[in-house]
PDB file of N, CA and C in Angstrom:
ATOM      1  N   UNK A   1      75.354 145.177 118.015  1.00  0.00           N
ATOM      2  CA  UNK A   1      76.553 144.460 117.605  1.00  0.00           C
ATOM      3  C   UNK A   1      77.269 143.984 118.864  1.00  0.00           C
ATOM      4  N   UNK A   2      77.826 142.829 118.826  1.00  0.00           N
ATOM      5  CA  UNK A   2      78.522 142.298 119.982  1.00  0.00           C
ATOM      6  C   UNK A   2      79.868 142.974 120.151  1.00  0.00           C
ATOM      7  N   UNK A   3      80.497 142.734 121.299  1.00  0.00           N
ATOM      8  CA  UNK A   3      81.791 143.342 121.582  1.00  0.00           C
ATOM      9  C   UNK A   3      82.871 142.847 120.634  1.00  0.00           C
ATOM     10  N   UNK A   4      82.687 141.681 120.047  1.00  0.00           N
ATOM     11  CA  UNK A   4      83.692 141.134 119.150  1.00  0.00           C
ATOM     12  C   UNK A   4      83.410 141.446 117.692  1.00  0.00           C
ATOM     13  N   UNK A   5      82.271 142.021 117.392  1.00  0.00           N
ATOM     14  CA  UNK A   5      81.946 142.403 116.020  1.00  0.00           C
ATOM     15  C   UNK A   5      81.964 141.215 115.082  1.00  0.00           C
ATOM     16  N   UNK A   6      82.630 141.346 113.928  1.00  0.00           N
ATOM     17  CA  UNK A   6      82.598 140.280 112.929  1.00  0.00           C
ATOM     18  C   UNK A   6      83.334 139.024 113.374  1.00  0.00           C
ATOM     19  N   UNK A   7      84.246 139.154 114.317  1.00  0.00           N
ATOM     20  CA  UNK A   7      84.979 137.986 114.801  1.00  0.00           C
ATOM     21  C   UNK A   7      84.048 137.057 115.561  1.00  0.00           C
ATOM     22  N   UNK A   8      83.000 137.596 116.169  1.00  0.00           N
ATOM     23  CA  UNK A   8      82.069 136.783 116.938  1.00  0.00           C
ATOM     24  C   UNK A   8      81.382 135.745 116.068  1.00  0.00           C
ATOM     25  N   UNK A   9      81.312 135.960 114.750  1.00  0.00           N
ATOM     26  CA  UNK A   9      80.681 135.003 113.849  1.00  0.00           C
ATOM     27  C   UNK A   9      81.431 133.690 113.762  1.00  0.00           C
ATOM     28  N   UNK A  10      82.702 133.677 114.172  1.00  0.00           N
ATOM     29  CA  UNK A  10      83.476 132.448 114.127  1.00  0.00           C
ATOM     30  C   UNK A  10      83.234 131.557 115.334  1.00  0.00           C
ATOM     31  N   UNK A  11      82.664 132.141 116.402  1.00  0.00           N
ATOM     32  CA  UNK A  11      82.433 131.402 117.627  1.00  0.00           C
ATOM     33  C   UNK A  11      81.026 130.837 117.610  1.00  0.00           C
ATOM     34  N   UNK A  12      80.878 129.494 117.736  1.00  0.00           N
ATOM     35  CA  UNK A  12      79.536 128.925 117.709  1.00  0.00           C
ATOM     36  C   UNK A  12      78.728 129.360 118.929  1.00  0.00           C
ATOM     37  N   UNK A  13      77.434 129.576 118.726  1.00  0.00           N
ATOM     38  CA  UNK A  13      76.549 129.953 119.815  1.00  0.00           C
ATOM     39  C   UNK A  13      75.535 128.841 120.035  1.00  0.00           C
ATOM     40  N   UNK A  14      74.702 129.019 121.028  1.00  0.00           N
ATOM     41  CA  UNK A  14      73.722 127.982 121.368  1.00  0.00           C
ATOM     42  C   UNK A  14      72.680 127.806 120.267  1.00  0.00           C
ATOM     43  N   UNK A  15      72.510 128.807 119.406  1.00  0.00           N
ATOM     44  CA  UNK A  15      71.492 128.716 118.369  1.00  0.00           C
ATOM     45  C   UNK A  15      72.021 128.097 117.077  1.00  0.00           C
ATOM     46  N   UNK A  16      73.318 127.820 117.011  1.00  0.00           N
ATOM     47  CA  UNK A  16      73.848 127.223 115.790  1.00  0.00           C
ATOM     48  C   UNK A  16      73.527 125.745 115.741  1.00  0.00           C
ATOM     49  N   UNK A  17      73.416 125.231 114.559  1.00  0.00           N
ATOM     50  CA  UNK A  17      73.127 123.827 114.349  1.00  0.00           C
ATOM     51  C   UNK A  17      74.435 123.053 114.357  1.00  0.00           C
ATOM     52  N   UNK A  18      74.515 121.936 115.098  1.00  0.00           N
ATOM     53  CA  UNK A  18      75.753 121.167 115.110  1.00  0.00           C
ATOM     54  C   UNK A  18      76.046 120.566 113.737  1.00  0.00           C
ATOM     55  N   UNK A  19      77.316 120.454 113.425  1.00  0.00           N
ATOM     56  CA  UNK A  19      77.728 119.853 112.160  1.00  0.00           C
ATOM     57  C   UNK A  19      77.537 118.349 112.266  1.00  0.00           C
ATOM     58  N   UNK A  20      76.877 117.794 111.279  1.00  0.00           N
ATOM     59  CA  UNK A  20      76.622 116.362 111.285  1.00  0.00           C
ATOM     60  C   UNK A  20      77.509 115.677 110.276  1.00  0.00           C
ATOM     61  N   UNK A  21      77.970 114.493 110.619  1.00  0.00           N
ATOM     62  CA  UNK A  21      78.801 113.708 109.716  1.00  0.00           C
ATOM     63  C   UNK A  21      77.918 113.171 108.606  1.00  0.00           C
ATOM     64  N   UNK A  22      78.284 113.516 107.365  1.00  0.00           N
ATOM     65  CA  UNK A  22      77.473 113.089 106.230  1.00  0.00           C
ATOM     66  C   UNK A  22      77.906 111.727 105.720  1.00  0.00           C
ATOM     67  N   UNK A  23      78.960 111.184 106.267  1.00  0.00           N
ATOM     68  CA  UNK A  23      79.401 109.856 105.866  1.00  0.00           C
ATOM     69  C   UNK A  23      80.403 109.897 104.726  1.00  0.00           C
ATOM     70  N   UNK A  24      80.905 108.710 104.343  1.00  0.00           N
ATOM     71  CA  UNK A  24      81.889 108.664 103.281  1.00  0.00           C
ATOM     72  C   UNK A  24      81.287 109.065 101.933  1.00  0.00           C
ATOM     73  N   UNK A  25      82.126 109.695 101.119  1.00  0.00           N
ATOM     74  CA  UNK A  25      81.685 110.094  99.792  1.00  0.00           C
ATOM     75  C   UNK A  25      80.910 111.392  99.774  1.00  0.00           C
ATOM     76  N   UNK A  26      80.750 112.029 100.923  1.00  0.00           N
ATOM     77  CA  UNK A  26      80.000 113.267 100.989  1.00  0.00           C
ATOM     78  C   UNK A  26      80.849 114.418 100.475  1.00  0.00           C
ATOM     79  N   UNK A  27      80.177 115.424  99.942  1.00  0.00           N
ATOM     80  CA  UNK A  27      80.888 116.596  99.446  1.00  0.00           C
ATOM     81  C   UNK A  27      80.688 117.801 100.351  1.00  0.00           C
ATOM     82  N   UNK A  28      80.109 117.619 101.531  1.00  0.00           N
ATOM     83  CA  UNK A  28      79.927 118.755 102.419  1.00  0.00           C
ATOM     84  C   UNK A  28      81.280 119.195 102.934  1.00  0.00           C
ATOM     85  N   UNK A  29      81.402 120.505 103.194  1.00  0.00           N
ATOM     86  CA  UNK A  29      82.661 121.049 103.674  1.00  0.00           C
ATOM     87  C   UNK A  29      83.567 121.503 102.543  1.00  0.00           C
ATOM     88  N   UNK A  30      83.244 121.154 101.311  1.00  0.00           N
ATOM     89  CA  UNK A  30      84.002 121.634 100.169  1.00  0.00           C
ATOM     90  C   UNK A  30      83.029 121.995  99.077  1.00  0.00           C
ATOM     91  N   UNK A  31      83.494 122.655  98.079  1.00  0.00           N
ATOM     92  CA  UNK A  31      82.611 123.029  96.990  1.00  0.00           C
ATOM     93  C   UNK A  31      82.087 124.434  97.168  1.00  0.00           C
ATOM     94  N   UNK A  32      80.840 124.662  96.776  1.00  0.00           N
ATOM     95  CA  UNK A  32      80.297 126.009  96.750  1.00  0.00           C
ATOM     96  C   UNK A  32      79.818 126.498  98.117  1.00  0.00           C
ATOM     97  N   UNK A  33      79.746 125.643  99.127  1.00  0.00           N
ATOM     98  CA  UNK A  33      79.257 126.041 100.434  1.00  0.00           C
ATOM     99  C   UNK A  33      80.140 127.041 101.135  1.00  0.00           C
ATOM    100  N   UNK A  34      81.437 126.942 100.995  1.00  0.00           N
ATOM    101  CA  UNK A  34      82.350 127.894 101.601  1.00  0.00           C
ATOM    102  C   UNK A  34      82.888 127.404 102.923  1.00  0.00           C
ATOM    103  N   UNK A  35      82.041 127.097 103.859  1.00  0.00           N
ATOM    104  CA  UNK A  35      82.446 126.589 105.161  1.00  0.00           C
ATOM    105  C   UNK A  35      83.344 127.539 105.927  1.00  0.00           C
ATOM    106  N   UNK A  36      84.397 126.987 106.510  1.00  0.00           N
ATOM    107  CA  UNK A  36      85.289 127.751 107.371  1.00  0.00           C
ATOM    108  C   UNK A  36      85.993 128.866 106.609  1.00  0.00           C
ATOM    109  N   UNK A  37      86.439 128.583 105.400  1.00  0.00           N
ATOM    110  CA  UNK A  37      87.138 129.598 104.607  1.00  0.00           C
ATOM    111  C   UNK A  37      86.276 130.819 104.345  1.00  0.00           C
ATOM    112  N   UNK A  38      85.008 130.582 104.039  1.00  0.00           N
ATOM    113  CA  UNK A  38      84.096 131.691 103.784  1.00  0.00           C
ATOM    114  C   UNK A  38      83.824 132.462 105.071  1.00  0.00           C
ATOM    115  N   UNK A  39      83.655 131.754 106.171  1.00  0.00           N
ATOM    116  CA  UNK A  39      83.425 132.418 107.457  1.00  0.00           C
ATOM    117  C   UNK A  39      84.631 133.269 107.839  1.00  0.00           C
ATOM    118  N   UNK A  40      85.818 132.735 107.606  1.00  0.00           N
ATOM    119  CA  UNK A  40      87.040 133.480 107.914  1.00  0.00           C
ATOM    120  C   UNK A  40      87.157 134.717 107.027  1.00  0.00           C
ATOM    121  N   UNK A  41      86.870 134.562 105.738  1.00  0.00           N
ATOM    122  CA  UNK A  41      86.926 135.706 104.820  1.00  0.00           C
ATOM    123  C   UNK A  41      85.903 136.773 105.217  1.00  0.00           C
ATOM    124  N   UNK A  42      84.704 136.351 105.613  1.00  0.00           N
ATOM    125  CA  UNK A  42      83.684 137.304 106.056  1.00  0.00           C
ATOM    126  C   UNK A  42      84.120 138.037 107.319  1.00  0.00           C
ATOM    127  N   UNK A  43      84.749 137.321 108.248  1.00  0.00           N
ATOM    128  CA  UNK A  43      85.218 137.946 109.487  1.00  0.00           C
ATOM    129  C   UNK A  43      86.315 138.957 109.196  1.00  0.00           C
ATOM    130  N   UNK A  44      87.231 138.621 108.300  1.00  0.00           N
ATOM    131  CA  UNK A  44      88.303 139.548 107.945  1.00  0.00           C
ATOM    132  C   UNK A  44      87.734 140.773 107.234  1.00  0.00           C
ATOM    133  N   UNK A  45      86.771 140.568 106.344  1.00  0.00           N
ATOM    134  CA  UNK A  45      86.128 141.697 105.667  1.00  0.00           C
ATOM    135  C   UNK A  45      85.406 142.598 106.680  1.00  0.00           C
ATOM    136  N   UNK A  46      84.723 141.992 107.626  1.00  0.00           N
ATOM    137  CA  UNK A  46      84.043 142.765 108.662  1.00  0.00           C
ATOM    138  C   UNK A  46      85.014 143.555 109.515  1.00  0.00           C
ATOM    139  N   UNK A  47      86.137 142.938 109.850  1.00  0.00           N
ATOM    140  CA  UNK A  47      87.169 143.633 110.621  1.00  0.00           C
ATOM    141  C   UNK A  47      87.717 144.803 109.826  1.00  0.00           C
ATOM    142  N   UNK A  48      87.977 144.593 108.550  1.00  0.00           N
ATOM    143  CA  UNK A  48      88.468 145.665 107.689  1.00  0.00           C
ATOM    144  C   UNK A  48      87.453 146.800 107.606  1.00  0.00           C
ATOM    145  N   UNK A  49      86.174 146.468 107.482  1.00  0.00           N
ATOM    146  CA  UNK A  49      85.129 147.493 107.442  1.00  0.00           C
ATOM    147  C   UNK A  49      85.071 148.279 108.745  1.00  0.00           C
ATOM    148  N   UNK A  50      85.227 147.585 109.874  1.00  0.00           N
ATOM    149  CA  UNK A  50      85.193 148.247 111.179  1.00  0.00           C
ATOM    150  C   UNK A  50      86.362 149.216 111.322  1.00  0.00           C
ATOM    151  N   UNK A  51      87.550 148.788 110.896  1.00  0.00           N
ATOM    152  CA  UNK A  51      88.735 149.643 110.980  1.00  0.00           C
ATOM    153  C   UNK A  51      88.570 150.858 110.067  1.00  0.00           C
ATOM    154  N   UNK A  52      88.068 150.638 108.848  1.00  0.00           N
ATOM    155  CA  UNK A  52      87.849 151.754 107.922  1.00  0.00           C
ATOM    156  C   UNK A  52      86.810 152.731 108.454  1.00  0.00           C
ATOM    157  N   UNK A  53      85.756 152.214 109.073  1.00  0.00           N
ATOM    158  CA  UNK A  53      84.716 153.064 109.639  1.00  0.00           C
ATOM    159  C   UNK A  53      85.281 153.924 110.773  1.00  0.00           C
ATOM    160  N   UNK A  54      86.071 153.313 111.648  1.00  0.00           N
ATOM    161  CA  UNK A  54      86.678 154.061 112.750  1.00  0.00           C
ATOM    162  C   UNK A  54      87.623 155.132 112.208  1.00  0.00           C
ATOM    163  N   UNK A  55      88.373 154.786 111.171  1.00  0.00           N
ATOM    164  CA  UNK A  55      89.285 155.753 110.559  1.00  0.00           C
ATOM    165  C   UNK A  55      88.520 156.919 109.942  1.00  0.00           C
ATOM    166  N   UNK A  56      87.436 156.604 109.241  1.00  0.00           N
ATOM    167  CA  UNK A  56      86.613 157.653 108.634  1.00  0.00           C
ATOM    168  C   UNK A  56      86.027 158.578 109.700  1.00  0.00           C
ATOM    169  N   UNK A  57      85.550 158.000 110.797  1.00  0.00           N
ATOM    170  CA  UNK A  57      84.982 158.806 111.874  1.00  0.00           C
ATOM    171  C   UNK A  57      86.041 159.706 112.498  1.00  0.00           C
ATOM    172  N   UNK A  58      87.250 159.180 112.676  1.00  0.00           N
ATOM    173  CA  UNK A  58      88.333 159.984 113.245  1.00  0.00           C
ATOM    174  C   UNK A  58      88.702 161.132 112.298  1.00  0.00           C
ATOM    175  N   UNK A  59      88.705 160.873 110.996  1.00  0.00           N
ATOM    176  CA  UNK A  59      88.993 161.928 110.026  1.00  0.00           C
ATOM    177  C   UNK A  59      87.910 162.995 110.028  1.00  0.00           C
ATOM    178  N   UNK A  60      86.652 162.575 110.156  1.00  0.00           N
ATOM    179  CA  UNK A  60      85.553 163.534 110.223  1.00  0.00           C
ATOM    180  C   UNK A  60      85.667 164.403 111.469  1.00  0.00           C
ATOM    181  N   UNK A  61      86.064 163.812 112.583  1.00  0.00           N
ATOM    182  CA  UNK A  61      86.236 164.577 113.812  1.00  0.00           C
ATOM    183  C   UNK A  61      87.371 165.580 113.658  1.00  0.00           C
ATOM    184  N   UNK A  62      88.475 165.149 113.055  1.00  0.00           N
ATOM    185  CA  UNK A  62      89.618 166.039 112.867  1.00  0.00           C
ATOM    186  C   UNK A  62      89.283 167.189 111.909  1.00  0.00           C
ATOM    187  N   UNK A  63      88.418 166.926 110.945  1.00  0.00           N
ATOM    188  CA  UNK A  63      88.041 167.957 109.972  1.00  0.00           C
ATOM    189  C   UNK A  63      86.920 168.857 110.494  1.00  0.00           C
ATOM    190  N   UNK A  64      86.370 168.541 111.661  1.00  0.00           N
ATOM    191  CA  UNK A  64      85.305 169.352 112.234  1.00  0.00           C
ATOM    192  C   UNK A  64      83.935 169.043 111.669  1.00  0.00           C
ATOM    193  N   UNK A  65      83.792 167.935 110.981  1.00  0.00           N
ATOM    194  CA  UNK A  65      82.509 167.572 110.381  1.00  0.00           C
ATOM    195  C   UNK A  65      81.570 166.889 111.372  1.00  0.00           C
ATOM    196  N   UNK A  66      82.094 166.481 112.510  1.00  0.00           N
ATOM    197  CA  UNK A  66      81.267 165.859 113.547  1.00  0.00           C
ATOM    198  C   UNK A  66      81.754 166.318 114.912  1.00  0.00           C
ATOM    199  N   UNK A  67      80.858 166.304 115.870  1.00  0.00           N
ATOM    200  CA  UNK A  67      81.193 166.686 117.248  1.00  0.00           C
ATOM    201  C   UNK A  67      81.055 165.504 118.202  1.00  0.00           C
ATOM    202  N   UNK A  68      80.789 164.308 117.661  1.00  0.00           N
ATOM    203  CA  UNK A  68      80.540 163.118 118.472  1.00  0.00           C
ATOM    204  C   UNK A  68      81.856 162.456 118.882  1.00  0.00           C
ATOM    205  N   UNK A  69      82.527 163.038 119.843  1.00  0.00           N
ATOM    206  CA  UNK A  69      83.808 162.497 120.309  1.00  0.00           C
ATOM    207  C   UNK A  69      83.635 161.115 120.930  1.00  0.00           C
ATOM    208  N   UNK A  70      82.577 160.925 121.680  1.00  0.00           N
ATOM    209  CA  UNK A  70      82.332 159.632 122.322  1.00  0.00           C
ATOM    210  C   UNK A  70      82.159 158.520 121.294  1.00  0.00           C
ATOM    211  N   UNK A  71      81.403 158.788 120.247  1.00  0.00           N
ATOM    212  CA  UNK A  71      81.196 157.786 119.202  1.00  0.00           C
ATOM    213  C   UNK A  71      82.487 157.428 118.490  1.00  0.00           C
ATOM    214  N   UNK A  72      83.325 158.428 118.243  1.00  0.00           N
ATOM    215  CA  UNK A  72      84.603 158.187 117.569  1.00  0.00           C
ATOM    216  C   UNK A  72      85.514 157.343 118.450  1.00  0.00           C
ATOM    217  N   UNK A  73      85.583 157.674 119.725  1.00  0.00           N
ATOM    218  CA  UNK A  73      86.421 156.912 120.654  1.00  0.00           C
ATOM    219  C   UNK A  73      85.905 155.474 120.777  1.00  0.00           C
ATOM    220  N   UNK A  74      84.584 155.312 120.854  1.00  0.00           N
ATOM    221  CA  UNK A  74      84.006 153.965 120.954  1.00  0.00           C
ATOM    222  C   UNK A  74      84.315 153.147 119.705  1.00  0.00           C
ATOM    223  N   UNK A  75      84.159 153.735 118.524  1.00  0.00           N
ATOM    224  CA  UNK A  75      84.429 153.015 117.274  1.00  0.00           C
ATOM    225  C   UNK A  75      85.908 152.651 117.176  1.00  0.00           C
ATOM    226  N   UNK A  76      86.778 153.569 117.575  1.00  0.00           N
ATOM    227  CA  UNK A  76      88.214 153.311 117.516  1.00  0.00           C
ATOM    228  C   UNK A  76      88.614 152.204 118.484  1.00  0.00           C
ATOM    229  N   UNK A  77      88.082 152.246 119.685  1.00  0.00           N
ATOM    230  CA  UNK A  77      88.411 151.207 120.668  1.00  0.00           C
ATOM    231  C   UNK A  77      87.840 149.852 120.262  1.00  0.00           C
ATOM    232  N   UNK A  78      86.647 149.843 119.696  1.00  0.00           N
ATOM    233  CA  UNK A  78      86.055 148.585 119.247  1.00  0.00           C
ATOM    234  C   UNK A  78      86.892 147.980 118.127  1.00  0.00           C
ATOM    235  N   UNK A  79      87.336 148.810 117.204  1.00  0.00           N
ATOM    236  CA  UNK A  79      88.191 148.322 116.118  1.00  0.00           C
ATOM    237  C   UNK A  79      89.514 147.799 116.676  1.00  0.00           C
ATOM    238  N   UNK A  80      90.047 148.488 117.659  1.00  0.00           N
ATOM    239  CA  UNK A  80      91.299 148.051 118.282  1.00  0.00           C
ATOM    240  C   UNK A  80      91.140 146.703 118.979  1.00  0.00           C
ATOM    241  N   UNK A  81      90.057 146.530 119.694  1.00  0.00           N
ATOM    242  CA  UNK A  81      89.797 145.263 120.394  1.00  0.00           C
ATOM    243  C   UNK A  81      89.589 144.133 119.390  1.00  0.00           C
ATOM    244  N   UNK A  82      88.830 144.402 118.324  1.00  0.00           N
ATOM    245  CA  UNK A  82      88.599 143.373 117.307  1.00  0.00           C
ATOM    246  C   UNK A  82      89.901 142.973 116.633  1.00  0.00           C
ATOM    247  N   UNK A  83      90.775 143.937 116.390  1.00  0.00           N
ATOM    248  CA  UNK A  83      92.068 143.630 115.787  1.00  0.00           C
ATOM    249  C   UNK A  83      92.925 142.793 116.739  1.00  0.00           C
ATOM    250  N   UNK A  84      92.885 143.092 118.016  1.00  0.00           N
ATOM    251  CA  UNK A  84      93.626 142.311 119.007  1.00  0.00           C
ATOM    252  C   UNK A  84      93.095 140.881 119.084  1.00  0.00           C
ATOM    253  N   UNK A  85      91.769 140.721 119.037  1.00  0.00           N
ATOM    254  CA  UNK A  85      91.171 139.378 119.057  1.00  0.00           C
ATOM    255  C   UNK A  85      91.591 138.598 117.817  1.00  0.00           C
ATOM    256  N   UNK A  86      91.554 139.251 116.658  1.00  0.00           N
ATOM    257  CA  UNK A  86      91.973 138.591 115.417  1.00  0.00           C
ATOM    258  C   UNK A  86      93.436 138.183 115.486  1.00  0.00           C
ATOM    259  N   UNK A  87      94.258 139.032 116.073  1.00  0.00           N
ATOM    260  CA  UNK A  87      95.680 138.721 116.225  1.00  0.00           C
ATOM    261  C   UNK A  87      95.885 137.518 117.147  1.00  0.00           C
ATOM    262  N   UNK A  88      95.133 137.453 118.223  1.00  0.00           N
ATOM    263  CA  UNK A  88      95.237 136.324 119.144  1.00  0.00           C
ATOM    264  C   UNK A  88      94.752 135.028 118.495  1.00  0.00           C
ATOM    265  N   UNK A  89      93.674 135.111 117.717  1.00  0.00           N
ATOM    266  CA  UNK A  89      93.179 133.923 117.019  1.00  0.00           C
ATOM    267  C   UNK A  89      94.222 133.430 116.033  1.00  0.00           C
ATOM    268  N   UNK A  90      94.849 134.357 115.307  1.00  0.00           N
ATOM    269  CA  UNK A  90      95.902 133.995 114.373  1.00  0.00           C
ATOM    270  C   UNK A  90      97.067 133.333 115.089  1.00  0.00           C
ATOM    271  N   UNK A  91      97.463 133.878 116.213  1.00  0.00           N
ATOM    272  CA  UNK A  91      98.568 133.293 116.978  1.00  0.00           C
ATOM    273  C   UNK A  91      98.236 131.878 117.440  1.00  0.00           C
ATOM    274  N   UNK A  92      97.022 131.680 117.918  1.00  0.00           N
ATOM    275  CA  UNK A  92      96.614 130.344 118.363  1.00  0.00           C
ATOM    276  C   UNK A  92      96.568 129.366 117.200  1.00  0.00           C
ATOM    277  N   UNK A  93      96.113 129.829 116.044  1.00  0.00           N
ATOM    278  CA  UNK A  93      96.058 128.951 114.870  1.00  0.00           C
ATOM    279  C   UNK A  93      97.461 128.564 114.418  1.00  0.00           C
ATOM    280  N   UNK A  94      98.389 129.510 114.436  1.00  0.00           N
ATOM    281  CA  UNK A  94      99.778 129.208 114.057  1.00  0.00           C
ATOM    282  C   UNK A  94     100.391 128.239 115.057  1.00  0.00           C
ATOM    283  N   UNK A  95     100.141 128.444 116.343  1.00  0.00           N
ATOM    284  CA  UNK A  95     100.652 127.524 117.365  1.00  0.00           C
ATOM    285  C   UNK A  95     100.094 126.114 117.160  1.00  0.00           C
ATOM    286  N   UNK A  96      98.805 126.016 116.852  1.00  0.00           N
ATOM    287  CA  UNK A  96      98.190 124.700 116.621  1.00  0.00           C
ATOM    288  C   UNK A  96      98.791 124.035 115.389  1.00  0.00           C
ATOM    289  N   UNK A  97      98.998 124.803 114.328  1.00  0.00           N
ATOM    290  CA  UNK A  97      99.612 124.265 113.110  1.00  0.00           C
ATOM    291  C   UNK A  97     101.021 123.747 113.409  1.00  0.00           C
ATOM    292  N   UNK A  98     101.800 124.529 114.142  1.00  0.00           N
ATOM    293  CA  UNK A  98     103.164 124.109 114.472  1.00  0.00           C
ATOM    294  C   UNK A  98     103.165 122.858 115.342  1.00  0.00           C
ATOM    295  N   UNK A  99     102.210 122.774 116.247  1.00  0.00           N
ATOM    296  CA  UNK A  99     102.118 121.585 117.100  1.00  0.00           C
ATOM    297  C   UNK A  99     101.769 120.354 116.272  1.00  0.00           C
ATOM    298  N   UNK A 100     100.846 120.477 115.344  1.00  0.00           N
ATOM    299  CA  UNK A 100     100.495 119.363 114.468  1.00  0.00           C
ATOM    300  C   UNK A 100     101.688 118.969 113.602  1.00  0.00           C
ATOM    301  N   UNK A 101     102.428 119.973 113.108  1.00  0.00           N
ATOM    302  CA  UNK A 101     103.590 119.717 112.261  1.00  0.00           C
ATOM    303  C   UNK A 101     104.667 118.937 113.017  1.00  0.00           C
ATOM    304  N   UNK A 102     104.787 119.182 114.321  1.00  0.00           N
ATOM    305  CA  UNK A 102     105.806 118.497 115.130  1.00  0.00           C
ATOM    306  C   UNK A 102     105.406 117.094 115.568  1.00  0.00           C
ATOM    307  N   UNK A 103     104.136 116.734 115.379  1.00  0.00           N
ATOM    308  CA  UNK A 103     103.690 115.399 115.796  1.00  0.00           C
ATOM    309  C   UNK A 103     104.387 114.318 114.997  1.00  0.00           C
ATOM    310  N   UNK A 104     104.714 113.254 115.701  1.00  0.00           N
ATOM    311  CA  UNK A 104     105.315 112.114 115.028  1.00  0.00           C
ATOM    312  C   UNK A 104     104.234 111.083 114.725  1.00  0.00           C
ATOM    313  N   UNK A 105     104.262 110.557 113.542  1.00  0.00           N
ATOM    314  CA  UNK A 105     103.223 109.610 113.129  1.00  0.00           C
ATOM    315  C   UNK A 105     103.757 108.198 113.225  1.00  0.00           C
TER     316      UNK A 105
END
């Protein structure tokens, strides 16, 4: 798993296929495909799963059900970093929205 976990799925990589313009009258980008909204929902679900997993591991450590302190710390820190990245992405998106809203046409 990458350092960004589910958030990394939002960042295009060299192996992704570029989006092609389908021309006027096309229905790509809407409908059952999902597109950005589905990718965002998947990333949020992945982040939620990561946070829940780290929480479960911490509870198991506190209850004495596991002795893997390193794994618990790694999972907790990874969840923390992913949450910080998601927060920064949200902040940038809000800033971009506000900038577009202030544009004069």
